PDB file of N, CA and C in Angstrom:
ATOM      1  N   MET A   1      84.576 -63.430 -23.909  1.00  0.00           N
ATOM      2  CA  MET A   1      84.665 -63.085 -25.309  1.00  0.00           C
ATOM      3  C   MET A   1      86.019 -63.500 -25.879  1.00  0.00           C
ATOM      4  N   LEU A   2      87.079 -63.338 -25.088  1.00  0.00           N
ATOM      5  CA  LEU A   2      88.409 -63.703 -25.542  1.00  0.00           C
ATOM      6  C   LEU A   2      88.509 -65.207 -25.788  1.00  0.00           C
ATOM      7  N   GLU A   3      87.911 -66.023 -24.877  1.00  0.00           N
ATOM      8  CA  GLU A   3      87.936 -67.470 -25.042  1.00  0.00           C
ATOM      9  C   GLU A   3      87.197 -67.890 -26.300  1.00  0.00           C
ATOM     10  N   LYS A   4      86.068 -67.226 -26.583  1.00  0.00           N
ATOM     11  CA  LYS A   4      85.295 -67.567 -27.774  1.00  0.00           C
ATOM     12  C   LYS A   4      86.095 -67.285 -29.033  1.00  0.00           C
ATOM     13  N   SER A   5      86.723 -66.160 -29.074  1.00  0.00           N
ATOM     14  CA  SER A   5      87.492 -65.831 -30.271  1.00  0.00           C
ATOM     15  C   SER A   5      88.708 -66.757 -30.400  1.00  0.00           C
ATOM     16  N   LEU A   6      89.299 -67.160 -29.271  1.00  0.00           N
ATOM     17  CA  LEU A   6      90.423 -68.081 -29.303  1.00  0.00           C
ATOM     18  C   LEU A   6      89.974 -69.450 -29.797  1.00  0.00           C
ATOM     19  N   LEU A   7      88.819 -69.922 -29.316  1.00  0.00           N
ATOM     20  CA  LEU A   7      88.300 -71.208 -29.773  1.00  0.00           C
ATOM     21  C   LEU A   7      87.932 -71.166 -31.258  1.00  0.00           C
ATOM     22  N   ILE A   8      87.358 -70.055 -31.688  1.00  0.00           N
ATOM     23  CA  ILE A   8      87.017 -69.916 -33.110  1.00  0.00           C
ATOM     24  C   ILE A   8      88.288 -69.923 -33.948  1.00  0.00           C
ATOM     25  N   GLU A   9      89.334 -69.252 -33.482  1.00  0.00           N
ATOM     26  CA  GLU A   9      90.604 -69.218 -34.209  1.00  0.00           C
ATOM     27  C   GLU A   9      91.229 -70.610 -34.286  1.00  0.00           C
ATOM     28  N   ILE A  10      91.177 -71.358 -33.184  1.00  0.00           N
ATOM     29  CA  ILE A  10      91.721 -72.724 -33.176  1.00  0.00           C
ATOM     30  C   ILE A  10      90.928 -73.600 -34.145  1.00  0.00           C
ATOM     31  N   GLY A  11      89.616 -73.487 -34.121  1.00  0.00           N
ATOM     32  CA  GLY A  11      88.776 -74.261 -35.038  1.00  0.00           C
ATOM     33  C   GLY A  11      89.071 -73.936 -36.489  1.00  0.00           C
ATOM     34  N   THR A  12      89.275 -72.660 -36.772  1.00  0.00           N
ATOM     35  CA  THR A  12      89.601 -72.236 -38.128  1.00  0.00           C
ATOM     36  C   THR A  12      90.945 -72.811 -38.569  1.00  0.00           C
ATOM     37  N   GLN A  13      91.927 -72.786 -37.678  1.00  0.00           N
ATOM     38  CA  GLN A  13      93.240 -73.322 -38.019  1.00  0.00           C
ATOM     39  C   GLN A  13      93.201 -74.833 -38.221  1.00  0.00           C
ATOM     40  N   VAL A  14      92.412 -75.543 -37.403  1.00  0.00           N
ATOM     41  CA  VAL A  14      92.278 -76.995 -37.564  1.00  0.00           C
ATOM     42  C   VAL A  14      91.627 -77.321 -38.908  1.00  0.00           C
ATOM     43  N   LYS A  15      90.578 -76.580 -39.282  1.00  0.00           N
ATOM     44  CA  LYS A  15      89.936 -76.800 -40.584  1.00  0.00           C
ATOM     45  C   LYS A  15      90.904 -76.511 -41.720  1.00  0.00           C
ATOM     46  N   HIS A  16      91.684 -75.450 -41.578  1.00  0.00           N
ATOM     47  CA  HIS A  16      92.674 -75.103 -42.602  1.00  0.00           C
ATOM     48  C   HIS A  16      93.724 -76.209 -42.735  1.00  0.00           C
ATOM     49  N   ALA A  17      94.182 -76.744 -41.602  1.00  0.00           N
ATOM     50  CA  ALA A  17      95.192 -77.809 -41.634  1.00  0.00           C
ATOM     51  C   ALA A  17      94.627 -79.077 -42.256  1.00  0.00           C
ATOM     52  N   GLN A  18      93.366 -79.400 -41.944  1.00  0.00           N
ATOM     53  CA  GLN A  18      92.751 -80.594 -42.525  1.00  0.00           C
ATOM     54  C   GLN A  18      92.570 -80.437 -44.027  1.00  0.00           C
ATOM     55  N   ASN A  19      92.130 -79.271 -44.465  1.00  0.00           N
ATOM     56  CA  ASN A  19      91.961 -79.043 -45.896  1.00  0.00           C
ATOM     57  C   ASN A  19      93.298 -79.082 -46.619  1.00  0.00           C
ATOM     58  N   GLN A  20      94.324 -78.544 -45.999  1.00  0.00           N
ATOM     59  CA  GLN A  20      95.652 -78.545 -46.604  1.00  0.00           C
ATOM     60  C   GLN A  20      96.191 -79.970 -46.676  1.00  0.00           C
ATOM     61  N   GLU A  21      95.928 -80.763 -45.647  1.00  0.00           N
ATOM     62  CA  GLU A  21      96.397 -82.150 -45.620  1.00  0.00           C
ATOM     63  C   GLU A  21      95.709 -82.967 -46.704  1.00  0.00           C
ATOM     64  N   GLU A  22      94.439 -82.727 -46.943  1.00  0.00           N
ATOM     65  CA  GLU A  22      93.724 -83.453 -47.972  1.00  0.00           C
ATOM     66  C   GLU A  22      94.156 -83.026 -49.363  1.00  0.00           C
ATOM     67  N   GLY A  23      94.563 -81.782 -49.517  1.00  0.00           N
ATOM     68  CA  GLY A  23      94.885 -81.256 -50.833  1.00  0.00           C
ATOM     69  C   GLY A  23      96.270 -81.610 -51.324  1.00  0.00           C
ATOM     70  N   GLU A  24      97.225 -81.789 -50.430  1.00  0.00           N
ATOM     71  CA  GLU A  24      98.594 -82.068 -50.858  1.00  0.00           C
ATOM     72  C   GLU A  24      99.269 -82.992 -49.872  1.00  0.00           C
ATOM     73  N   GLU A  25     100.253 -83.691 -50.353  1.00  0.00           N
ATOM     74  CA  GLU A  25     101.023 -84.561 -49.483  1.00  0.00           C
ATOM     75  C   GLU A  25     102.075 -83.741 -48.745  1.00  0.00           C
ATOM     76  N   SER A  26     102.385 -84.173 -47.533  1.00  0.00           N
ATOM     77  CA  SER A  26     103.415 -83.468 -46.783  1.00  0.00           C
ATOM     78  C   SER A  26     104.787 -83.818 -47.347  1.00  0.00           C
ATOM     79  N   GLY A  27     105.795 -83.140 -46.904  1.00  0.00           N
ATOM     80  CA  GLY A  27     107.139 -83.334 -47.426  1.00  0.00           C
ATOM     81  C   GLY A  27     107.640 -84.752 -47.285  1.00  0.00           C
ATOM     82  N   ILE A  28     107.458 -85.354 -46.106  1.00  0.00           N
ATOM     83  CA  ILE A  28     107.960 -86.710 -45.889  1.00  0.00           C
ATOM     84  C   ILE A  28     107.163 -87.717 -46.699  1.00  0.00           C
ATOM     85  N   GLN A  29     105.859 -87.503 -46.864  1.00  0.00           N
ATOM     86  CA  GLN A  29     105.051 -88.427 -47.661  1.00  0.00           C
ATOM     87  C   GLN A  29     105.457 -88.366 -49.126  1.00  0.00           C
ATOM     88  N   ALA A  30     105.702 -87.172 -49.639  1.00  0.00           N
ATOM     89  CA  ALA A  30     106.124 -87.043 -51.031  1.00  0.00           C
ATOM     90  C   ALA A  30     107.498 -87.678 -51.229  1.00  0.00           C
ATOM     91  N   LEU A  31     108.394 -87.490 -50.265  1.00  0.00           N
ATOM     92  CA  LEU A  31     109.716 -88.088 -50.351  1.00  0.00           C
ATOM     93  C   LEU A  31     109.628 -89.611 -50.343  1.00  0.00           C
ATOM     94  N   CYS A  32     108.822 -90.156 -49.449  1.00  0.00           N
ATOM     95  CA  CYS A  32     108.675 -91.608 -49.369  1.00  0.00           C
ATOM     96  C   CYS A  32     108.026 -92.174 -50.625  1.00  0.00           C
ATOM     97  N   LYS A  33     107.113 -91.432 -51.198  1.00  0.00           N
ATOM     98  CA  LYS A  33     106.484 -91.882 -52.440  1.00  0.00           C
ATOM     99  C   LYS A  33     107.506 -91.948 -53.561  1.00  0.00           C
ATOM    100  N   THR A  34     108.382 -90.956 -53.638  1.00  0.00           N
ATOM    101  CA  THR A  34     109.437 -90.948 -54.650  1.00  0.00           C
ATOM    102  C   THR A  34     110.417 -92.091 -54.421  1.00  0.00           C
ATOM    103  N   ILE A  35     110.839 -92.274 -53.184  1.00  0.00           N
ATOM    104  CA  ILE A  35     111.770 -93.359 -52.866  1.00  0.00           C
ATOM    105  C   ILE A  35     111.133 -94.714 -53.169  1.00  0.00           C
ATOM    106  N   ALA A  36     109.861 -94.879 -52.810  1.00  0.00           N
ATOM    107  CA  ALA A  36     109.182 -96.148 -53.044  1.00  0.00           C
ATOM    108  C   ALA A  36     109.082 -96.462 -54.529  1.00  0.00           C
ATOM    109  N   SER A  37     108.884 -95.435 -55.365  1.00  0.00           N
ATOM    110  CA  SER A  37     108.779 -95.707 -56.803  1.00  0.00           C
ATOM    111  C   SER A  37     110.107 -96.242 -57.348  1.00  0.00           C
ATOM    112  N   TYR A  38     111.223 -95.667 -56.923  1.00  0.00           N
ATOM    113  CA  TYR A  38     112.529 -96.182 -57.344  1.00  0.00           C
ATOM    114  C   TYR A  38     112.812 -97.548 -56.723  1.00  0.00           C
ATOM    115  N   PHE A  39     112.405 -97.719 -55.482  1.00  0.00           N
ATOM    116  CA  PHE A  39     112.647 -98.962 -54.771  1.00  0.00           C
ATOM    117  C   PHE A  39     111.926-100.127 -55.444  1.00  0.00           C
ATOM    118  N   VAL A  40     110.677 -99.907 -55.844  1.00  0.00           N
ATOM    119  CA  VAL A  40     109.897-100.960 -56.493  1.00  0.00           C
ATOM    120  C   VAL A  40     110.551-101.365 -57.810  1.00  0.00           C
ATOM    121  N   LYS A  41     110.967-100.383 -58.600  1.00  0.00           N
ATOM    122  CA  LYS A  41     111.639-100.698 -59.866  1.00  0.00           C
ATOM    123  C   LYS A  41     112.930-101.479 -59.615  1.00  0.00           C
ATOM    124  N   GLY A  42     113.681-101.066 -58.629  1.00  0.00           N
ATOM    125  CA  GLY A  42     114.919-101.759 -58.296  1.00  0.00           C
ATOM    126  C   GLY A  42     114.687-103.192 -57.842  1.00  0.00           C
ATOM    127  N   VAL A  43     113.641-103.406 -57.041  1.00  0.00           N
ATOM    128  CA  VAL A  43     113.344-104.748 -56.539  1.00  0.00           C
ATOM    129  C   VAL A  43     112.901-105.657 -57.686  1.00  0.00           C
ATOM    130  N   ILE A  44     112.113-105.133 -58.603  1.00  0.00           N
ATOM    131  CA  ILE A  44     111.682-105.944 -59.749  1.00  0.00           C
ATOM    132  C   ILE A  44     112.885-106.329 -60.611  1.00  0.00           C
ATOM    133  N   ILE A  45     113.773-105.373 -60.839  1.00  0.00           N
ATOM    134  CA  ILE A  45     114.988-105.680 -61.610  1.00  0.00           C
ATOM    135  C   ILE A  45     115.842-106.707 -60.871  1.00  0.00           C
ATOM    136  N   LEU A  46     115.975-106.560 -59.563  1.00  0.00           N
ATOM    137  CA  LEU A  46     116.746-107.519 -58.764  1.00  0.00           C
ATOM    138  C   LEU A  46     116.128-108.914 -58.824  1.00  0.00           C
ATOM    139  N   SER A  47     114.820-108.989 -58.793  1.00  0.00           N
ATOM    140  CA  SER A  47     114.134-110.277 -58.886  1.00  0.00           C
ATOM    141  C   SER A  47     114.374-110.930 -60.249  1.00  0.00           C
ATOM    142  N   LEU A  48     114.298-110.142 -61.313  1.00  0.00           N
ATOM    143  CA  LEU A  48     114.567-110.682 -62.643  1.00  0.00           C
ATOM    144  C   LEU A  48     116.021-111.120 -62.781  1.00  0.00           C
ATOM    145  N   LEU A  49     116.941-110.359 -62.198  1.00  0.00           N
ATOM    146  CA  LEU A  49     118.352-110.760 -62.206  1.00  0.00           C
ATOM    147  C   LEU A  49     118.567-112.061 -61.428  1.00  0.00           C
ATOM    148  N   THR A  50     117.859-112.222 -60.337  1.00  0.00           N
ATOM    149  CA  THR A  50     117.944-113.450 -59.558  1.00  0.00           C
ATOM    150  C   THR A  50     117.504-114.638 -60.400  1.00  0.00           C
ATOM    151  N   ILE A  51     116.384-114.469 -61.112  1.00  0.00           N
ATOM    152  CA  ILE A  51     115.895-115.544 -61.975  1.00  0.00           C
ATOM    153  C   ILE A  51     116.912-115.850 -63.074  1.00  0.00           C
ATOM    154  N   LEU A  52     117.473-114.814 -63.682  1.00  0.00           N
ATOM    155  CA  LEU A  52     118.441-115.003 -64.755  1.00  0.00           C
ATOM    156  C   LEU A  52     119.718-115.693 -64.251  1.00  0.00           C
ATOM    157  N   ILE A  53     120.238-115.233 -63.131  1.00  0.00           N
ATOM    158  CA  ILE A  53     121.481-115.809 -62.603  1.00  0.00           C
ATOM    159  C   ILE A  53     121.276-117.262 -62.194  1.00  0.00           C
ATOM    160  N   TRP A  54     120.159-117.574 -61.524  1.00  0.00           N
ATOM    161  CA  TRP A  54     119.917-118.964 -61.137  1.00  0.00           C
ATOM    162  C   TRP A  54     119.680-119.839 -62.362  1.00  0.00           C
ATOM    163  N   SER A  55     119.075-119.286 -63.397  1.00  0.00           N
ATOM    164  CA  SER A  55     118.891-120.055 -64.632  1.00  0.00           C
ATOM    165  C   SER A  55     120.238-120.418 -65.233  1.00  0.00           C
ATOM    166  N   LEU A  56     121.133-119.444 -65.288  1.00  0.00           N
ATOM    167  CA  LEU A  56     122.465-119.696 -65.829  1.00  0.00           C
ATOM    168  C   LEU A  56     123.243-120.687 -64.962  1.00  0.00           C
ATOM    169  N   LEU A  57     123.169-120.500 -63.643  1.00  0.00           N
ATOM    170  CA  LEU A  57     123.894-121.404 -62.750  1.00  0.00           C
ATOM    171  C   LEU A  57     123.387-122.838 -62.854  1.00  0.00           C
ATOM    172  N   LEU A  58     122.083-123.009 -62.905  1.00  0.00           N
ATOM    173  CA  LEU A  58     121.541-124.369 -62.977  1.00  0.00           C
ATOM    174  C   LEU A  58     121.837-125.029 -64.319  1.00  0.00           C
ATOM    175  N   SER A  59     121.900-124.232 -65.382  1.00  0.00           N
ATOM    176  CA  SER A  59     122.161-124.827 -66.688  1.00  0.00           C
ATOM    177  C   SER A  59     123.638-125.181 -66.869  1.00  0.00           C
ATOM    178  N   PHE A  60     124.548-124.374 -66.325  1.00  0.00           N
ATOM    179  CA  PHE A  60     125.979-124.630 -66.513  1.00  0.00           C
ATOM    180  C   PHE A  60     126.571-125.547 -65.441  1.00  0.00           C
ATOM    181  N   LEU A  61     126.146-125.404 -64.224  1.00  0.00           N
ATOM    182  CA  LEU A  61     126.749-126.178 -63.138  1.00  0.00           C
ATOM    183  C   LEU A  61     126.023-127.479 -62.836  1.00  0.00           C
ATOM    184  N   GLU A  62     124.840-127.658 -63.375  1.00  0.00           N
ATOM    185  CA  GLU A  62     124.032-128.866 -63.172  1.00  0.00           C
ATOM    186  C   GLU A  62     123.847-129.183 -61.686  1.00  0.00           C
ATOM    187  N   ILE A  63     123.339-128.193 -60.951  1.00  0.00           N
ATOM    188  CA  ILE A  63     123.064-128.348 -59.525  1.00  0.00           C
ATOM    189  C   ILE A  63     121.751-129.107 -59.371  1.00  0.00           C
ATOM    190  N   GLU A  64     121.718-130.043 -58.419  1.00  0.00           N
ATOM    191  CA  GLU A  64     120.497-130.802 -58.148  1.00  0.00           C
ATOM    192  C   GLU A  64     119.554-129.982 -57.267  1.00  0.00           C
ATOM    193  N   VAL A  65     118.309-129.862 -57.678  1.00  0.00           N
ATOM    194  CA  VAL A  65     117.296-129.165 -56.894  1.00  0.00           C
ATOM    195  C   VAL A  65     116.173-130.146 -56.583  1.00  0.00           C
ATOM    196  N   PRO A  66     115.470-129.962 -55.473  1.00  0.00           N
ATOM    197  CA  PRO A  66     114.470-130.949 -55.058  1.00  0.00           C
ATOM    198  C   PRO A  66     113.190-130.961 -55.899  1.00  0.00           C
ATOM    199  N   MET A  67     113.003-130.007 -56.796  1.00  0.00           N
ATOM    200  CA  MET A  67     111.803-129.951 -57.640  1.00  0.00           C
ATOM    201  C   MET A  67     112.239-129.600 -59.050  1.00  0.00           C
ATOM    202  N   CYS A  68     111.290-129.328 -59.923  1.00  0.00           N
ATOM    203  CA  CYS A  68     111.658-128.961 -61.292  1.00  0.00           C
ATOM    204  C   CYS A  68     112.463-127.661 -61.280  1.00  0.00           C
ATOM    205  N   ASP A  69     113.369-127.537 -62.230  1.00  0.00           N
ATOM    206  CA  ASP A  69     114.292-126.399 -62.253  1.00  0.00           C
ATOM    207  C   ASP A  69     113.561-125.063 -62.350  1.00  0.00           C
ATOM    208  N   ILE A  70     112.590-124.989 -63.231  1.00  0.00           N
ATOM    209  CA  ILE A  70     111.873-123.719 -63.442  1.00  0.00           C
ATOM    210  C   ILE A  70     111.098-123.320 -62.189  1.00  0.00           C
ATOM    211  N   CYS A  71     110.453-124.289 -61.539  1.00  0.00           N
ATOM    212  CA  CYS A  71     109.713-123.993 -60.306  1.00  0.00           C
ATOM    213  C   CYS A  71     110.654-123.450 -59.232  1.00  0.00           C
ATOM    214  N   TRP A  72     111.811-124.070 -59.105  1.00  0.00           N
ATOM    215  CA  TRP A  72     112.776-123.666 -58.092  1.00  0.00           C
ATOM    216  C   TRP A  72     113.309-122.267 -58.375  1.00  0.00           C
ATOM    217  N   ILE A  73     113.584-121.973 -59.641  1.00  0.00           N
ATOM    218  CA  ILE A  73     114.104-120.654 -60.036  1.00  0.00           C
ATOM    219  C   ILE A  73     113.063-119.571 -59.790  1.00  0.00           C
ATOM    220  N   VAL A  74     111.826-119.817 -60.209  1.00  0.00           N
ATOM    221  CA  VAL A  74     110.753-118.824 -60.016  1.00  0.00           C
ATOM    222  C   VAL A  74     110.486-118.610 -58.534  1.00  0.00           C
ATOM    223  N   GLU A  75     110.597-119.673 -57.755  1.00  0.00           N
ATOM    224  CA  GLU A  75     110.417-119.551 -56.299  1.00  0.00           C
ATOM    225  C   GLU A  75     111.458-118.608 -55.699  1.00  0.00           C
ATOM    226  N   ARG A  76     112.680-118.670 -56.176  1.00  0.00           N
ATOM    227  CA  ARG A  76     113.725-117.760 -55.695  1.00  0.00           C
ATOM    228  C   ARG A  76     113.430-116.315 -56.107  1.00  0.00           C
ATOM    229  N   GLY A  77     112.957-116.109 -57.323  1.00  0.00           N
ATOM    230  CA  GLY A  77     112.609-114.761 -57.776  1.00  0.00           C
ATOM    231  C   GLY A  77     111.462-114.156 -56.983  1.00  0.00           C
ATOM    232  N   ILE A  78     110.456-114.968 -56.700  1.00  0.00           N
ATOM    233  CA  ILE A  78     109.324-114.494 -55.897  1.00  0.00           C
ATOM    234  C   ILE A  78     109.765-114.235 -54.462  1.00  0.00           C
ATOM    235  N   GLY A  79     110.702-115.024 -53.972  1.00  0.00           N
ATOM    236  CA  GLY A  79     111.231-114.807 -52.621  1.00  0.00           C
ATOM    237  C   GLY A  79     111.878-113.442 -52.478  1.00  0.00           C
ATOM    238  N   VAL A  80     112.587-113.003 -53.519  1.00  0.00           N
ATOM    239  CA  VAL A  80     113.193-111.667 -53.493  1.00  0.00           C
ATOM    240  C   VAL A  80     112.102-110.606 -53.426  1.00  0.00           C
ATOM    241  N   LEU A  81     111.036-110.779 -54.203  1.00  0.00           N
ATOM    242  CA  LEU A  81     109.935-109.799 -54.191  1.00  0.00           C
ATOM    243  C   LEU A  81     109.260-109.728 -52.829  1.00  0.00           C
ATOM    244  N   VAL A  82     109.004-110.879 -52.240  1.00  0.00           N
ATOM    245  CA  VAL A  82     108.304-110.909 -50.954  1.00  0.00           C
ATOM    246  C   VAL A  82     109.177-110.354 -49.833  1.00  0.00           C
ATOM    247  N   ALA A  83     110.464-110.707 -49.847  1.00  0.00           N
ATOM    248  CA  ALA A  83     111.360-110.271 -48.772  1.00  0.00           C
ATOM    249  C   ALA A  83     111.591-108.769 -48.773  1.00  0.00           C
ATOM    250  N   SER A  84     111.492-108.148 -49.915  1.00  0.00           N
ATOM    251  CA  SER A  84     111.772-106.709 -49.987  1.00  0.00           C
ATOM    252  C   SER A  84     110.517-105.900 -50.286  1.00  0.00           C
ATOM    253  N   CYS A  85     109.396-106.320 -49.766  1.00  0.00           N
ATOM    254  CA  CYS A  85     108.122-105.653 -50.025  1.00  0.00           C
ATOM    255  C   CYS A  85     108.138-104.215 -49.500  1.00  0.00           C
ATOM    256  N   PRO A  86     107.821-103.238 -50.362  1.00  0.00           N
ATOM    257  CA  PRO A  86     107.827-101.841 -49.916  1.00  0.00           C
ATOM    258  C   PRO A  86     106.541-101.438 -49.197  1.00  0.00           C
ATOM    259  N   CYS A  87     105.700-102.419 -48.895  1.00  0.00           N
ATOM    260  CA  CYS A  87     104.438-102.095 -48.224  1.00  0.00           C
ATOM    261  C   CYS A  87     104.683-101.447 -46.868  1.00  0.00           C
ATOM    262  N   ALA A  88     105.734-101.857 -46.190  1.00  0.00           N
ATOM    263  CA  ALA A  88     106.031-101.295 -44.872  1.00  0.00           C
ATOM    264  C   ALA A  88     106.265 -99.800 -44.952  1.00  0.00           C
ATOM    265  N   LEU A  89     106.941 -99.359 -45.997  1.00  0.00           N
ATOM    266  CA  LEU A  89     107.206 -97.936 -46.172  1.00  0.00           C
ATOM    267  C   LEU A  89     105.900 -97.169 -46.378  1.00  0.00           C
ATOM    268  N   GLY A  90     105.019 -97.720 -47.190  1.00  0.00           N
ATOM    269  CA  GLY A  90     103.741 -97.052 -47.464  1.00  0.00           C
ATOM    270  C   GLY A  90     102.808 -97.030 -46.271  1.00  0.00           C
ATOM    271  N   LEU A  91     102.921 -97.997 -45.394  1.00  0.00           N
ATOM    272  CA  LEU A  91     102.050 -98.057 -44.220  1.00  0.00           C
ATOM    273  C   LEU A  91     102.629 -97.305 -43.029  1.00  0.00           C
ATOM    274  N   ALA A  92     103.935 -97.285 -42.914  1.00  0.00           N
ATOM    275  CA  ALA A  92     104.563 -96.709 -41.728  1.00  0.00           C
ATOM    276  C   ALA A  92     104.474 -95.190 -41.698  1.00  0.00           C
ATOM    277  N   VAL A  93     104.690 -94.533 -42.821  1.00  0.00           N
ATOM    278  CA  VAL A  93     104.749 -93.066 -42.829  1.00  0.00           C
ATOM    279  C   VAL A  93     103.418 -92.430 -42.414  1.00  0.00           C
ATOM    280  N   PRO A  94     102.280 -92.794 -43.019  1.00  0.00           N
ATOM    281  CA  PRO A  94     101.029 -92.181 -42.558  1.00  0.00           C
ATOM    282  C   PRO A  94     100.691 -92.523 -41.104  1.00  0.00           C
ATOM    283  N   SER A  95     101.048 -93.731 -40.672  1.00  0.00           N
ATOM    284  CA  SER A  95     100.783 -94.114 -39.285  1.00  0.00           C
ATOM    285  C   SER A  95     101.586 -93.260 -38.312  1.00  0.00           C
ATOM    286  N   VAL A  96     102.844 -93.045 -38.615  1.00  0.00           N
ATOM    287  CA  VAL A  96     103.693 -92.233 -37.733  1.00  0.00           C
ATOM    288  C   VAL A  96     103.195 -90.793 -37.689  1.00  0.00           C
ATOM    289  N   ILE A  97     102.802 -90.249 -38.831  1.00  0.00           N
ATOM    290  CA  ILE A  97     102.291 -88.873 -38.857  1.00  0.00           C
ATOM    291  C   ILE A  97     101.011 -88.760 -38.038  1.00  0.00           C
ATOM    292  N   ALA A  98     100.118 -89.747 -38.158  1.00  0.00           N
ATOM    293  CA  ALA A  98      98.883 -89.719 -37.371  1.00  0.00           C
ATOM    294  C   ALA A  98      99.173 -89.798 -35.873  1.00  0.00           C
ATOM    295  N   ILE A  99     100.119 -90.638 -35.481  1.00  0.00           N
ATOM    296  CA  ILE A  99     100.475 -90.770 -34.064  1.00  0.00           C
ATOM    297  C   ILE A  99     101.082 -89.467 -33.545  1.00  0.00           C
ATOM    298  N   ILE A 100     101.976 -88.866 -34.335  1.00  0.00           N
ATOM    299  CA  ILE A 100     102.604 -87.610 -33.910  1.00  0.00           C
ATOM    300  C   ILE A 100     101.557 -86.507 -33.757  1.00  0.00           C
ATOM    301  N   LEU A 101     100.644 -86.419 -34.719  1.00  0.00           N
ATOM    302  CA  LEU A 101      99.594 -85.400 -34.619  1.00  0.00           C
ATOM    303  C   LEU A 101      98.706 -85.634 -33.407  1.00  0.00           C
ATOM    304  N   ASN A 102      98.398 -86.895 -33.115  1.00  0.00           N
ATOM    305  CA  ASN A 102      97.571 -87.221 -31.952  1.00  0.00           C
ATOM    306  C   ASN A 102      98.288 -86.849 -30.653  1.00  0.00           C
ATOM    307  N   LEU A 103      99.569 -87.193 -30.546  1.00  0.00           N
ATOM    308  CA  LEU A 103     100.328 -86.854 -29.333  1.00  0.00           C
ATOM    309  C   LEU A 103     100.466 -85.345 -29.175  1.00  0.00           C
ATOM    310  N   ALA A 104     100.675 -84.638 -30.279  1.00  0.00           N
ATOM    311  CA  ALA A 104     100.793 -83.183 -30.210  1.00  0.00           C
ATOM    312  C   ALA A 104      99.475 -82.556 -29.763  1.00  0.00           C
ATOM    313  N   THR A 105      98.364 -83.071 -30.274  1.00  0.00           N
ATOM    314  CA  THR A 105      97.055 -82.538 -29.888  1.00  0.00           C
ATOM    315  C   THR A 105      96.784 -82.780 -28.403  1.00  0.00           C
ATOM    316  N   LYS A 106      97.144 -83.964 -27.913  1.00  0.00           N
ATOM    317  CA  LYS A 106      96.951 -84.258 -26.487  1.00  0.00           C
ATOM    318  C   LYS A 106      97.802 -83.359 -25.598  1.00  0.00           C
ATOM    319  N   SER A 107      98.941 -82.931 -26.115  1.00  0.00           N
ATOM    320  CA  SER A 107      99.830 -82.041 -25.356  1.00  0.00           C
ATOM    321  C   SER A 107      99.450 -80.578 -25.523  1.00  0.00           C
ATOM    322  N   GLY A 108      98.429 -80.303 -26.308  1.00  0.00           N
ATOM    323  CA  GLY A 108      97.988 -78.933 -26.501  1.00  0.00           C
ATOM    324  C   GLY A 108      98.744 -78.193 -27.589  1.00  0.00           C
ATOM    325  N   ILE A 109      99.424 -78.936 -28.438  1.00  0.00           N
ATOM    326  CA  ILE A 109     100.180 -78.318 -29.530  1.00  0.00           C
ATOM    327  C   ILE A 109      99.373 -78.461 -30.808  1.00  0.00           C
ATOM    328  N   LEU A 110      99.135 -77.367 -31.465  1.00  0.00           N
ATOM    329  CA  LEU A 110      98.395 -77.376 -32.722  1.00  0.00           C
ATOM    330  C   LEU A 110      99.392 -77.239 -33.874  1.00  0.00           C
ATOM    331  N   ILE A 111      99.439 -78.239 -34.705  1.00  0.00           N
ATOM    332  CA  ILE A 111     100.348 -78.216 -35.847  1.00  0.00           C
ATOM    333  C   ILE A 111      99.530 -77.823 -37.065  1.00  0.00           C
ATOM    334  N   LYS A 112      99.849 -76.679 -37.597  1.00  0.00           N
ATOM    335  CA  LYS A 112      99.072 -76.122 -38.695  1.00  0.00           C
ATOM    336  C   LYS A 112      99.416 -76.786 -40.028  1.00  0.00           C
ATOM    337  N   ASN A 113     100.686 -77.114 -40.229  1.00  0.00           N
ATOM    338  CA  ASN A 113     101.124 -77.691 -41.471  1.00  0.00           C
ATOM    339  C   ASN A 113     101.957 -78.930 -41.144  1.00  0.00           C
ATOM    340  N   ASN A 114     101.453 -80.133 -41.496  1.00  0.00           N
ATOM    341  CA  ASN A 114     102.194 -81.345 -41.143  1.00  0.00           C
ATOM    342  C   ASN A 114     103.367 -81.582 -42.078  1.00  0.00           C
ATOM    343  N   GLY A 115     103.629 -80.689 -43.004  1.00  0.00           N
ATOM    344  CA  GLY A 115     104.806 -80.769 -43.851  1.00  0.00           C
ATOM    345  C   GLY A 115     106.092 -80.500 -43.102  1.00  0.00           C
ATOM    346  N   VAL A 116     105.979 -80.003 -41.880  1.00  0.00           N
ATOM    347  CA  VAL A 116     107.176 -79.721 -41.086  1.00  0.00           C
ATOM    348  C   VAL A 116     107.865 -80.994 -40.631  1.00  0.00           C
ATOM    349  N   PHE A 117     107.164 -82.119 -40.682  1.00  0.00           N
ATOM    350  CA  PHE A 117     107.760 -83.384 -40.256  1.00  0.00           C
ATOM    351  C   PHE A 117     108.778 -83.824 -41.269  1.00  0.00           C
TER     352      PHE A 117
END
């Protein structure tokens, strides 16, 4: 009887944790979402500044480029966007949380609220 009640309690806690996880983001996920929103704005501004600075440099210094000036400038701006893609941040956090929860479950540890991470 004790084992049954213990298993029922564990099942109830797992359902509660799953419902809580679906209803709200954990602390680290909310933090990363906030950081990513500022990061994306910063990267876009940096890319536009790159385009502006290279435009000014090419017009005043008359640097030779292997293709048309506008193509070369836009290529540099897109390079900044691609090199600083925040996709890694959005993919890494949920993956790490899933791995930690899986390892904890295999070790017999039940984490009721994943906001503790």
